[in-house]
Amino acid sequence: MCNHNELVEQQFFKAIRYRDGFGGETRDLQKAYDMLYSLALRGYPKAMNSIGSMYSRGQLLKDKAKSLTKALEWYQMVAEAGSLSATLNLADCYHQGLGCEPDSVAACHLLEPLDLTGVVEATALLDVIVEKFAQCVRKETERCREGRMPSDAVVTSHANI
């Protein structure tokens, strides 16, 4: 006999099979969403994060901007509840400007505590952000050497870090 947590996990994985169309299930995004939403209403973080992923992939809305905004909302809600996956997804949204204006500083604030605890994915994304910033600094340094003023974008980004 299954306990409550096992039943919830089974329902979650059945929804994922509908979402992705595997494990003998025909792909049915509406059915997947309905199952995941039911689990999300009961506070199941994996379901909430999966709904965010469905929005970020454009599987639920045709309007890309609205879809990314909804994804961001779901990731924020679940990240605040302590979900590691949602926090990584949220940081990636901030970094890339998916559903919001790009904000690498906000991404770093989310990633730094995870990096300090050894979360490899957080370290990898931080490395990408730092390298992008370093490239920008090198480019602007070259502009200065050529006697040109730094661009406003770099001056602003230096102020934010």
N, C-alpha and C. Protein backbone atom coordinates (compact mmCIF):
# COMPACT_ATOMS: atom_id res chain seq x y z
N MET A 1 0.84 -1.18 0.00
CA MET A 1 0.00 0.00 0.00
C MET A 1 0.88 1.25 0.00
N CYS A 2 0.51 2.23 -0.82
CA CYS A 2 1.29 3.47 -0.97
C CYS A 2 0.92 4.48 0.11
N ASN A 3 1.92 5.20 0.58
CA ASN A 3 1.61 6.30 1.49
C ASN A 3 1.28 7.55 0.65
N HIS A 4 0.89 8.61 1.31
CA HIS A 4 0.44 9.83 0.64
C HIS A 4 1.53 10.39 -0.28
N ASN A 5 2.77 10.47 0.21
CA ASN A 5 3.87 11.03 -0.59
C ASN A 5 4.13 10.21 -1.85
N GLU A 6 4.02 8.90 -1.74
CA GLU A 6 4.22 8.04 -2.92
C GLU A 6 3.11 8.27 -3.95
N LEU A 7 1.88 8.47 -3.48
CA LEU A 7 0.77 8.73 -4.40
C LEU A 7 0.96 10.07 -5.12
N VAL A 8 1.41 11.07 -4.39
CA VAL A 8 1.65 12.38 -4.98
C VAL A 8 2.75 12.26 -6.04
N GLU A 9 3.83 11.55 -5.72
CA GLU A 9 4.92 11.34 -6.68
C GLU A 9 4.41 10.62 -7.93
N GLN A 10 3.58 9.60 -7.73
CA GLN A 10 3.02 8.87 -8.87
C GLN A 10 2.17 9.79 -9.75
N GLN A 11 1.36 10.63 -9.13
CA GLN A 11 0.53 11.57 -9.89
C GLN A 11 1.42 12.56 -10.64
N PHE A 12 2.47 13.02 -9.98
CA PHE A 12 3.38 13.95 -10.62
C PHE A 12 4.02 13.32 -11.87
N PHE A 13 4.54 12.11 -11.73
CA PHE A 13 5.22 11.49 -12.86
C PHE A 13 4.24 11.12 -13.98
N LYS A 14 3.00 10.84 -13.64
CA LYS A 14 1.99 10.60 -14.67
C LYS A 14 1.75 11.90 -15.45
N ALA A 15 1.68 13.01 -14.75
CA ALA A 15 1.51 14.31 -15.41
C ALA A 15 2.69 14.60 -16.34
N ILE A 16 3.89 14.28 -15.90
CA ILE A 16 5.08 14.49 -16.72
C ILE A 16 5.04 13.60 -17.97
N ARG A 17 4.54 12.38 -17.81
CA ARG A 17 4.40 11.51 -18.98
C ARG A 17 3.41 12.10 -19.98
N TYR A 18 2.33 12.70 -19.50
CA TYR A 18 1.39 13.38 -20.40
C TYR A 18 2.05 14.61 -21.04
N ARG A 19 2.81 15.34 -20.25
CA ARG A 19 3.46 16.54 -20.78
C ARG A 19 4.43 16.20 -21.90
N ASP A 20 5.22 15.14 -21.68
CA ASP A 20 6.29 14.80 -22.62
C ASP A 20 5.91 13.70 -23.61
N GLY A 21 4.76 13.03 -23.38
CA GLY A 21 4.32 11.99 -24.29
C GLY A 21 5.20 10.76 -24.29
N PHE A 22 5.47 10.22 -23.12
CA PHE A 22 6.25 8.99 -23.03
C PHE A 22 5.65 8.08 -21.98
N GLY A 23 6.23 6.89 -21.82
CA GLY A 23 5.74 5.95 -20.82
C GLY A 23 4.35 5.42 -21.14
N GLY A 24 4.05 5.30 -22.42
CA GLY A 24 2.75 4.76 -22.82
C GLY A 24 1.64 5.81 -22.86
N GLU A 25 1.96 7.06 -22.55
CA GLU A 25 0.95 8.12 -22.55
C GLU A 25 1.09 8.98 -23.80
N THR A 26 -0.03 9.33 -24.40
CA THR A 26 -0.05 10.26 -25.52
C THR A 26 0.15 11.67 -24.97
N ARG A 27 0.92 12.47 -25.68
CA ARG A 27 1.17 13.84 -25.22
C ARG A 27 -0.16 14.61 -25.15
N ASP A 28 -0.42 15.15 -23.97
CA ASP A 28 -1.64 15.91 -23.73
C ASP A 28 -1.29 17.02 -22.74
N LEU A 29 -0.97 18.20 -23.28
CA LEU A 29 -0.50 19.30 -22.43
C LEU A 29 -1.58 19.79 -21.48
N GLN A 30 -2.83 19.80 -21.93
CA GLN A 30 -3.90 20.26 -21.05
C GLN A 30 -4.08 19.32 -19.87
N LYS A 31 -4.06 18.03 -20.15
CA LYS A 31 -4.20 17.04 -19.08
C LYS A 31 -3.01 17.14 -18.11
N ALA A 32 -1.81 17.31 -18.67
CA ALA A 32 -0.62 17.46 -17.83
C ALA A 32 -0.75 18.69 -16.94
N TYR A 33 -1.15 19.82 -17.56
CA TYR A 33 -1.31 21.04 -16.79
C TYR A 33 -2.35 20.86 -15.68
N ASP A 34 -3.49 20.28 -16.01
CA ASP A 34 -4.55 20.09 -15.01
C ASP A 34 -4.06 19.25 -13.83
N MET A 35 -3.32 18.19 -14.13
CA MET A 35 -2.80 17.33 -13.06
C MET A 35 -1.75 18.07 -12.23
N LEU A 36 -0.86 18.78 -12.91
CA LEU A 36 0.17 19.53 -12.19
C LEU A 36 -0.44 20.64 -11.35
N TYR A 37 -1.45 21.32 -11.91
CA TYR A 37 -2.09 22.41 -11.17
C TYR A 37 -2.78 21.88 -9.91
N SER A 38 -3.40 20.73 -10.04
CA SER A 38 -4.04 20.11 -8.87
C SER A 38 -3.01 19.84 -7.78
N LEU A 39 -1.85 19.35 -8.18
CA LEU A 39 -0.77 19.10 -7.21
C LEU A 39 -0.21 20.42 -6.66
N ALA A 40 -0.11 21.43 -7.53
CA ALA A 40 0.40 22.73 -7.10
C ALA A 40 -0.51 23.35 -6.04
N LEU A 41 -1.81 23.19 -6.23
CA LEU A 41 -2.75 23.73 -5.24
C LEU A 41 -2.56 23.10 -3.87
N ARG A 42 -2.02 21.90 -3.87
CA ARG A 42 -1.73 21.21 -2.60
C ARG A 42 -0.32 21.49 -2.10
N GLY A 43 0.38 22.43 -2.79
CA GLY A 43 1.69 22.85 -2.32
C GLY A 43 2.86 21.99 -2.76
N TYR A 44 2.69 21.21 -3.82
CA TYR A 44 3.77 20.32 -4.27
C TYR A 44 4.74 21.10 -5.15
N PRO A 45 5.96 21.39 -4.65
CA PRO A 45 6.90 22.26 -5.36
C PRO A 45 7.31 21.76 -6.75
N LYS A 46 7.49 20.45 -6.92
CA LYS A 46 7.89 19.93 -8.23
C LYS A 46 6.83 20.25 -9.28
N ALA A 47 5.57 20.17 -8.89
CA ALA A 47 4.48 20.47 -9.82
C ALA A 47 4.51 21.95 -10.18
N MET A 48 4.72 22.81 -9.18
CA MET A 48 4.77 24.25 -9.43
C MET A 48 5.92 24.60 -10.38
N ASN A 49 7.07 24.03 -10.14
CA ASN A 49 8.23 24.27 -10.98
C ASN A 49 7.97 23.75 -12.40
N SER A 50 7.31 22.62 -12.52
CA SER A 50 7.00 22.06 -13.83
C SER A 50 6.02 22.93 -14.60
N ILE A 51 5.07 23.54 -13.90
CA ILE A 51 4.15 24.48 -14.56
C ILE A 51 4.96 25.67 -15.08
N GLY A 52 5.88 26.17 -14.27
CA GLY A 52 6.75 27.25 -14.72
C GLY A 52 7.52 26.85 -15.97
N SER A 53 8.02 25.62 -15.99
CA SER A 53 8.75 25.12 -17.15
C SER A 53 7.86 25.03 -18.39
N MET A 54 6.61 24.61 -18.19
CA MET A 54 5.68 24.53 -19.32
C MET A 54 5.44 25.93 -19.90
N TYR A 55 5.29 26.91 -19.02
CA TYR A 55 5.13 28.28 -19.51
C TYR A 55 6.40 28.75 -20.22
N SER A 56 7.57 28.46 -19.64
CA SER A 56 8.81 28.95 -20.25
C SER A 56 9.07 28.31 -21.61
N ARG A 57 8.56 27.12 -21.83
CA ARG A 57 8.71 26.44 -23.12
C ARG A 57 7.63 26.86 -24.12
N GLY A 58 6.70 27.70 -23.68
CA GLY A 58 5.62 28.13 -24.56
C GLY A 58 4.57 27.07 -24.80
N GLN A 59 4.42 26.13 -23.88
CA GLN A 59 3.47 25.03 -24.05
C GLN A 59 2.05 25.38 -23.61
N LEU A 60 1.87 26.51 -22.93
CA LEU A 60 0.55 26.83 -22.39
C LEU A 60 -0.08 28.08 -22.98
N LEU A 61 0.73 29.00 -23.45
CA LEU A 61 0.22 30.24 -24.05
C LEU A 61 0.93 30.47 -25.39
N LYS A 62 0.22 31.03 -26.34
CA LYS A 62 0.83 31.32 -27.64
C LYS A 62 1.69 32.58 -27.59
N ASP A 63 1.30 33.54 -26.77
CA ASP A 63 2.03 34.79 -26.64
C ASP A 63 3.31 34.54 -25.82
N LYS A 64 4.46 34.64 -26.48
CA LYS A 64 5.74 34.30 -25.83
C LYS A 64 6.02 35.18 -24.62
N ALA A 65 5.79 36.49 -24.75
CA ALA A 65 6.08 37.40 -23.64
C ALA A 65 5.21 37.08 -22.42
N LYS A 66 3.92 36.85 -22.64
CA LYS A 66 3.03 36.50 -21.53
C LYS A 66 3.42 35.16 -20.92
N SER A 67 3.81 34.23 -21.78
CA SER A 67 4.21 32.91 -21.31
C SER A 67 5.44 33.00 -20.41
N LEU A 68 6.42 33.80 -20.82
CA LEU A 68 7.64 33.95 -20.01
C LEU A 68 7.36 34.67 -18.70
N THR A 69 6.43 35.64 -18.74
CA THR A 69 6.05 36.33 -17.52
C THR A 69 5.39 35.37 -16.54
N LYS A 70 4.51 34.50 -17.04
CA LYS A 70 3.86 33.50 -16.18
C LYS A 70 4.89 32.53 -15.62
N ALA A 71 5.84 32.12 -16.44
CA ALA A 71 6.91 31.23 -15.97
C ALA A 71 7.65 31.88 -14.81
N LEU A 72 8.01 33.15 -14.99
CA LEU A 72 8.72 33.88 -13.95
C LEU A 72 7.91 33.92 -12.67
N GLU A 73 6.60 34.16 -12.77
CA GLU A 73 5.74 34.21 -11.58
C GLU A 73 5.74 32.86 -10.84
N TRP A 74 5.63 31.77 -11.59
CA TRP A 74 5.65 30.45 -10.95
C TRP A 74 7.00 30.19 -10.30
N TYR A 75 8.09 30.49 -11.01
CA TYR A 75 9.42 30.26 -10.45
C TYR A 75 9.63 31.09 -9.18
N GLN A 76 9.16 32.34 -9.18
CA GLN A 76 9.31 33.18 -7.99
C GLN A 76 8.57 32.58 -6.80
N MET A 77 7.34 32.13 -7.04
CA MET A 77 6.53 31.57 -5.97
C MET A 77 7.20 30.34 -5.36
N VAL A 78 7.71 29.47 -6.22
CA VAL A 78 8.29 28.22 -5.72
C VAL A 78 9.68 28.45 -5.14
N ALA A 79 10.44 29.38 -5.72
CA ALA A 79 11.77 29.69 -5.18
C ALA A 79 11.64 30.25 -3.77
N GLU A 80 10.63 31.10 -3.56
CA GLU A 80 10.40 31.66 -2.22
C GLU A 80 10.07 30.57 -1.21
N ALA A 81 9.50 29.47 -1.70
CA ALA A 81 9.18 28.34 -0.82
C ALA A 81 10.39 27.42 -0.61
N GLY A 82 11.52 27.75 -1.26
CA GLY A 82 12.74 27.00 -1.02
C GLY A 82 13.12 25.96 -2.05
N SER A 83 12.48 25.95 -3.21
CA SER A 83 12.80 24.96 -4.24
C SER A 83 14.12 25.31 -4.93
N LEU A 84 15.05 24.38 -4.89
CA LEU A 84 16.35 24.56 -5.52
C LEU A 84 16.18 24.72 -7.04
N SER A 85 15.43 23.82 -7.67
CA SER A 85 15.24 23.88 -9.12
C SER A 85 14.61 25.19 -9.55
N ALA A 86 13.59 25.62 -8.83
CA ALA A 86 12.91 26.87 -9.17
C ALA A 86 13.85 28.06 -8.98
N THR A 87 14.69 28.03 -7.97
CA THR A 87 15.65 29.11 -7.74
C THR A 87 16.64 29.20 -8.89
N LEU A 88 17.11 28.06 -9.36
CA LEU A 88 18.01 28.04 -10.52
C LEU A 88 17.30 28.57 -11.76
N ASN A 89 16.06 28.13 -11.97
CA ASN A 89 15.29 28.60 -13.12
C ASN A 89 15.04 30.11 -13.04
N LEU A 90 14.71 30.59 -11.84
CA LEU A 90 14.46 32.02 -11.64
C LEU A 90 15.73 32.83 -11.92
N ALA A 91 16.85 32.36 -11.41
CA ALA A 91 18.13 33.06 -11.65
C ALA A 91 18.44 33.11 -13.14
N ASP A 92 18.18 32.03 -13.84
CA ASP A 92 18.41 32.00 -15.29
C ASP A 92 17.49 32.99 -16.00
N CYS A 93 16.23 33.07 -15.57
CA CYS A 93 15.30 34.06 -16.14
C CYS A 93 15.83 35.47 -15.93
N TYR A 94 16.26 35.78 -14.71
CA TYR A 94 16.81 37.11 -14.43
C TYR A 94 18.04 37.39 -15.29
N HIS A 95 18.93 36.43 -15.37
CA HIS A 95 20.16 36.60 -16.13
C HIS A 95 19.86 36.86 -17.61
N GLN A 96 18.96 36.08 -18.19
CA GLN A 96 18.67 36.19 -19.62
C GLN A 96 17.58 37.20 -19.95
N GLY A 97 16.90 37.69 -18.92
CA GLY A 97 15.81 38.63 -19.17
C GLY A 97 14.58 37.94 -19.73
N LEU A 98 14.28 36.77 -19.22
CA LEU A 98 13.11 36.01 -19.68
C LEU A 98 11.93 36.31 -18.76
N GLY A 99 10.97 37.06 -19.28
CA GLY A 99 9.82 37.45 -18.49
C GLY A 99 10.06 38.69 -17.65
N CYS A 100 11.24 39.28 -17.80
CA CYS A 100 11.62 40.48 -17.04
C CYS A 100 12.79 41.14 -17.76
N GLU A 101 13.19 42.29 -17.26
CA GLU A 101 14.41 42.93 -17.79
C GLU A 101 15.60 42.11 -17.29
N PRO A 102 16.66 41.99 -18.10
CA PRO A 102 17.85 41.28 -17.62
C PRO A 102 18.38 41.91 -16.34
N ASP A 103 18.71 41.08 -15.37
CA ASP A 103 19.22 41.56 -14.09
C ASP A 103 20.19 40.53 -13.52
N SER A 104 21.43 40.62 -13.98
CA SER A 104 22.44 39.66 -13.54
C SER A 104 22.76 39.80 -12.06
N VAL A 105 22.58 41.00 -11.52
CA VAL A 105 22.83 41.20 -10.09
C VAL A 105 21.82 40.39 -9.28
N ALA A 106 20.55 40.46 -9.66
CA ALA A 106 19.52 39.68 -8.96
C ALA A 106 19.80 38.19 -9.11
N ALA A 107 20.24 37.79 -10.30
CA ALA A 107 20.58 36.37 -10.53
C ALA A 107 21.71 35.96 -9.58
N CYS A 108 22.73 36.79 -9.48
CA CYS A 108 23.86 36.48 -8.59
C CYS A 108 23.43 36.37 -7.13
N HIS A 109 22.53 37.25 -6.71
CA HIS A 109 22.04 37.20 -5.32
C HIS A 109 21.34 35.87 -5.03
N LEU A 110 20.63 35.34 -6.03
CA LEU A 110 19.98 34.04 -5.85
C LEU A 110 20.98 32.90 -5.88
N LEU A 111 21.98 33.03 -6.73
CA LEU A 111 22.92 31.93 -6.96
C LEU A 111 24.02 31.82 -5.91
N GLU A 112 24.45 32.94 -5.36
CA GLU A 112 25.59 32.93 -4.44
C GLU A 112 25.40 31.98 -3.25
N PRO A 113 24.26 32.01 -2.54
CA PRO A 113 24.11 31.06 -1.42
C PRO A 113 24.15 29.60 -1.88
N LEU A 114 23.60 29.34 -3.07
CA LEU A 114 23.63 27.97 -3.59
C LEU A 114 25.04 27.56 -3.95
N ASP A 115 25.79 28.49 -4.54
CA ASP A 115 27.18 28.23 -4.89
C ASP A 115 27.99 27.91 -3.64
N LEU A 116 27.76 28.66 -2.57
CA LEU A 116 28.52 28.45 -1.32
C LEU A 116 28.22 27.10 -0.68
N THR A 117 27.06 26.52 -1.01
CA THR A 117 26.73 25.20 -0.46
C THR A 117 27.07 24.08 -1.45
N GLY A 118 27.73 24.44 -2.55
CA GLY A 118 28.23 23.42 -3.48
C GLY A 118 27.26 22.98 -4.57
N VAL A 119 26.24 23.76 -4.86
CA VAL A 119 25.31 23.41 -5.94
C VAL A 119 26.01 23.71 -7.27
N VAL A 120 26.37 22.67 -7.98
CA VAL A 120 27.18 22.77 -9.20
C VAL A 120 26.50 23.64 -10.26
N GLU A 121 25.19 23.49 -10.43
CA GLU A 121 24.47 24.27 -11.44
C GLU A 121 24.54 25.77 -11.14
N ALA A 122 24.50 26.13 -9.86
CA ALA A 122 24.61 27.53 -9.47
C ALA A 122 26.00 28.06 -9.79
N THR A 123 27.00 27.28 -9.49
CA THR A 123 28.38 27.67 -9.78
C THR A 123 28.57 27.88 -11.28
N ALA A 124 28.02 26.96 -12.08
CA ALA A 124 28.16 27.06 -13.53
C ALA A 124 27.50 28.33 -14.07
N LEU A 125 26.30 28.65 -13.60
CA LEU A 125 25.62 29.86 -14.08
C LEU A 125 26.34 31.11 -13.59
N LEU A 126 26.84 31.09 -12.37
CA LEU A 126 27.63 32.23 -11.88
C LEU A 126 28.87 32.44 -12.75
N ASP A 127 29.52 31.34 -13.12
CA ASP A 127 30.69 31.43 -13.99
C ASP A 127 30.35 32.09 -15.32
N VAL A 128 29.19 31.73 -15.89
CA VAL A 128 28.74 32.33 -17.15
C VAL A 128 28.52 33.83 -16.97
N ILE A 129 27.85 34.21 -15.89
CA ILE A 129 27.57 35.62 -15.63
C ILE A 129 28.86 36.41 -15.43
N VAL A 130 29.79 35.87 -14.65
CA VAL A 130 31.06 36.55 -14.38
C VAL A 130 31.88 36.68 -15.66
N GLU A 131 31.90 35.63 -16.47
CA GLU A 131 32.65 35.69 -17.73
C GLU A 131 32.05 36.73 -18.68
N LYS A 132 30.73 36.79 -18.74
CA LYS A 132 30.06 37.79 -19.59
C LYS A 132 30.43 39.20 -19.13
N PHE A 133 30.44 39.40 -17.82
CA PHE A 133 30.81 40.70 -17.27
C PHE A 133 32.27 41.01 -17.58
N ALA A 134 33.14 40.01 -17.44
CA ALA A 134 34.57 40.21 -17.71
C ALA A 134 34.78 40.58 -19.18
N GLN A 135 34.05 39.95 -20.09
CA GLN A 135 34.16 40.28 -21.51
C GLN A 135 33.75 41.73 -21.75
N CYS A 136 32.70 42.13 -21.08
CA CYS A 136 32.21 43.50 -21.21
C CYS A 136 33.26 44.49 -20.70
N VAL A 137 33.88 44.18 -19.59
CA VAL A 137 34.91 45.06 -19.02
C VAL A 137 36.10 45.13 -19.97
N ARG A 138 36.52 43.98 -20.54
CA ARG A 138 37.65 43.98 -21.47
C ARG A 138 37.33 44.84 -22.70
N LYS A 139 36.10 44.72 -23.20
CA LYS A 139 35.69 45.49 -24.37
C LYS A 139 35.73 46.99 -24.06
N GLU A 140 35.21 47.36 -22.90
CA GLU A 140 35.17 48.77 -22.53
C GLU A 140 36.57 49.31 -22.22
N THR A 141 37.44 48.47 -21.68
CA THR A 141 38.82 48.88 -21.44
C THR A 141 39.50 49.21 -22.77
N GLU A 142 39.24 48.38 -23.76
CA GLU A 142 39.79 48.62 -25.09
C GLU A 142 39.25 49.93 -25.68
N ARG A 143 37.97 50.19 -25.47
CA ARG A 143 37.38 51.46 -25.94
C ARG A 143 38.10 52.64 -25.30
N CYS A 144 38.39 52.53 -24.01
CA CYS A 144 39.07 53.62 -23.30
C CYS A 144 40.49 53.80 -23.84
N ARG A 145 41.18 52.70 -24.11
CA ARG A 145 42.54 52.78 -24.65
C ARG A 145 42.56 53.46 -26.01
N GLU A 146 41.45 53.30 -26.74
CA GLU A 146 41.34 53.93 -28.06
C GLU A 146 40.88 55.38 -27.93
N GLY A 147 40.69 55.85 -26.71
CA GLY A 147 40.29 57.23 -26.48
C GLY A 147 38.79 57.46 -26.54
N ARG A 148 38.02 56.39 -26.57
CA ARG A 148 36.56 56.53 -26.59
C ARG A 148 36.03 56.35 -25.17
N MET A 149 34.93 56.99 -24.90
CA MET A 149 34.30 56.89 -23.57
C MET A 149 33.61 55.54 -23.43
N PRO A 150 33.55 55.01 -22.19
CA PRO A 150 32.80 53.77 -21.97
C PRO A 150 31.33 53.98 -22.29
N SER A 151 30.70 52.92 -22.74
CA SER A 151 29.26 53.02 -23.03
C SER A 151 28.48 53.12 -21.73
N ASP A 152 27.30 53.73 -21.80
CA ASP A 152 26.45 53.90 -20.62
C ASP A 152 26.09 52.57 -19.99
N ALA A 153 25.89 51.53 -20.81
CA ALA A 153 25.49 50.22 -20.29
C ALA A 153 26.54 49.69 -19.33
N VAL A 154 27.81 49.86 -19.67
CA VAL A 154 28.86 49.34 -18.80
C VAL A 154 28.99 50.17 -17.54
N VAL A 155 28.90 51.49 -17.69
CA VAL A 155 28.99 52.34 -16.50
C VAL A 155 27.86 51.97 -15.53
N THR A 156 26.67 51.76 -16.05
CA THR A 156 25.54 51.37 -15.21
C THR A 156 25.77 50.01 -14.58
N SER A 157 26.26 49.03 -15.37
CA SER A 157 26.46 47.69 -14.82
C SER A 157 27.56 47.69 -13.77
N HIS A 158 28.58 48.55 -13.93
CA HIS A 158 29.62 48.64 -12.90
C HIS A 158 29.03 49.17 -11.60
N ALA A 159 28.11 50.09 -11.71
CA ALA A 159 27.49 50.68 -10.52
C ALA A 159 26.63 49.67 -9.79
N ASN A 160 26.06 48.71 -10.51
CA ASN A 160 25.17 47.72 -9.89
C ASN A 160 25.92 46.59 -9.21
N ILE A 161 27.18 46.44 -9.47
CA ILE A 161 27.91 45.32 -8.90
C ILE A 161 28.76 45.73 -7.74
